[in-house]
Protein backbone atom coordinates (compact mmCIF):
# COMPACT_ATOMS: atom_id res chain seq x y z
CA MET A 1 -16.10 10.02 -28.97
CA TRP A 2 -15.51 6.27 -29.20
CA ARG A 3 -11.77 6.81 -29.07
CA VAL A 4 -12.09 8.55 -25.70
CA PHE A 5 -14.22 5.68 -24.40
CA ASP A 6 -11.67 3.15 -25.68
CA ASP A 7 -8.86 5.08 -24.00
CA VAL A 8 -10.73 5.06 -20.69
CA VAL A 9 -11.38 1.32 -20.95
CA ASP A 10 -7.75 0.63 -21.88
CA ALA A 11 -6.51 2.72 -18.94
CA ARG A 12 -8.85 0.87 -16.57
CA ASN A 13 -7.75 -2.51 -17.90
CA GLY A 14 -4.13 -1.47 -17.48
CA ARG A 15 -4.70 -0.49 -13.85
CA LEU A 16 -6.52 -3.76 -13.16
CA TRP A 17 -3.67 -5.74 -14.75
CA ILE A 18 -1.08 -3.91 -12.64
CA GLY A 19 -3.19 -4.50 -9.53
CA SER A 20 -3.42 -8.21 -10.18
CA HIS A 21 0.12 -8.85 -11.48
CA GLY A 22 2.23 -6.13 -9.91
CA ARG A 23 2.82 -7.72 -6.50
CA SER A 24 5.81 -9.71 -5.44
CA GLU A 25 6.50 -11.28 -2.07
CA ASN A 26 10.15 -10.38 -2.53
CA SER A 27 9.31 -6.68 -2.64
CA TRP A 28 7.30 -7.00 0.61
CA GLY A 29 10.28 -8.68 2.23
CA LEU A 30 12.55 -5.90 1.04
CA VAL A 31 10.21 -3.25 2.47
CA LEU A 32 10.21 -4.99 5.86
CA VAL A 33 14.01 -5.44 5.86
CA LEU A 34 14.51 -1.77 5.00
CA GLY A 35 12.17 -0.81 7.84
CA LEU A 36 14.14 -3.01 10.24
CA LEU A 37 17.43 -1.51 9.08
CA ALA A 38 16.01 1.99 9.55
CA HIS A 39 15.03 1.10 13.13
CA ILE A 40 18.54 -0.20 13.80
CA ALA A 41 20.09 2.96 12.33
CA ILE A 42 17.88 5.21 14.46
CA GLY A 43 18.83 3.18 17.52
CA TRP A 44 22.54 3.55 16.76
CA VAL A 45 22.28 7.27 16.10
CA HIS A 46 20.53 7.84 19.43
CA ALA A 47 22.55 5.33 21.47
CA ASP A 48 24.10 8.03 23.67
CA ARG A 49 20.73 9.71 24.43
CA THR A 50 18.37 6.97 25.51
CA ALA A 51 15.35 9.22 26.14
CA ALA A 52 15.63 10.80 22.70
CA GLY A 53 16.24 7.38 21.16
CA THR A 54 13.14 5.96 22.80
CA VAL A 55 11.00 8.82 21.51
CA ALA A 56 12.53 8.63 18.03
CA LEU A 57 12.05 4.86 17.79
CA ALA A 58 8.48 5.10 19.08
CA LEU A 59 7.57 7.79 16.56
CA PHE A 60 9.24 5.91 13.74
CA ALA A 61 7.52 2.66 14.75
CA VAL A 62 4.11 4.35 14.70
CA THR A 63 4.71 5.96 11.32
CA THR A 64 6.11 2.82 9.71
CA SER A 65 3.20 0.79 11.09
CA ALA A 66 0.77 3.26 9.54
CA ALA A 67 2.69 3.16 6.25
CA TYR A 68 2.68 -0.66 6.22
CA TRP A 69 -1.07 -0.64 6.90
CA HIS A 70 -1.72 1.71 3.98
CA LEU A 71 0.54 -0.33 1.70
CA LEU A 72 -1.30 -3.48 2.68
CA GLN A 73 -4.64 -1.84 1.89
CA ALA A 74 -3.36 -0.58 -1.46
CA SER A 75 -1.88 -3.94 -2.47
CA ASP A 76 -5.36 -5.36 -3.20
CA PRO A 77 -7.77 -2.43 -3.42
CA PHE A 78 -10.69 -4.49 -4.78
CA ALA A 79 -10.59 -7.22 -2.12
CA HIS A 80 -13.55 -5.80 -0.21
CA LEU A 81 -15.82 -5.67 -3.26
CA GLU A 82 -18.15 -8.50 -4.06
CA THR A 83 -18.58 -9.20 -7.76
CA SER A 84 -22.33 -8.63 -7.68
CA THR A 85 -21.96 -5.32 -5.84
CA TYR A 86 -19.28 -4.25 -8.29
CA PHE A 87 -21.43 -4.94 -11.34
CA LYS A 88 -24.43 -3.26 -9.71
CA ALA A 89 -22.31 -0.16 -9.11
CA LEU A 90 -21.17 -0.17 -12.74
CA SER A 91 -24.72 -0.40 -13.99
CA GLY A 92 -25.90 2.36 -11.65
CA ASN A 93 -28.27 0.11 -9.68
CA ALA A 94 -26.30 -0.03 -6.45
CA THR A 95 -28.33 0.27 -3.28
């Protein structure tokens, strides 16, 4: 029984370590550059059909904006938690 509890605690500590050490500003820059290059490629592919290109770029811009928003939220998932609220939730006394 204690081994299972230790495994759960170790897994949680591993996730917390990854969440606090797994970010790099270089990787965010790479994501943004790849998004920009994808926009340029879509523009080139649809250069002869401007209406289709406009629709394709608009749809891609909306979806990449949503993806960037979700990535930003996932980059620091515990930012919205206060320490006292977090410990209250762990102890089962959250209101």
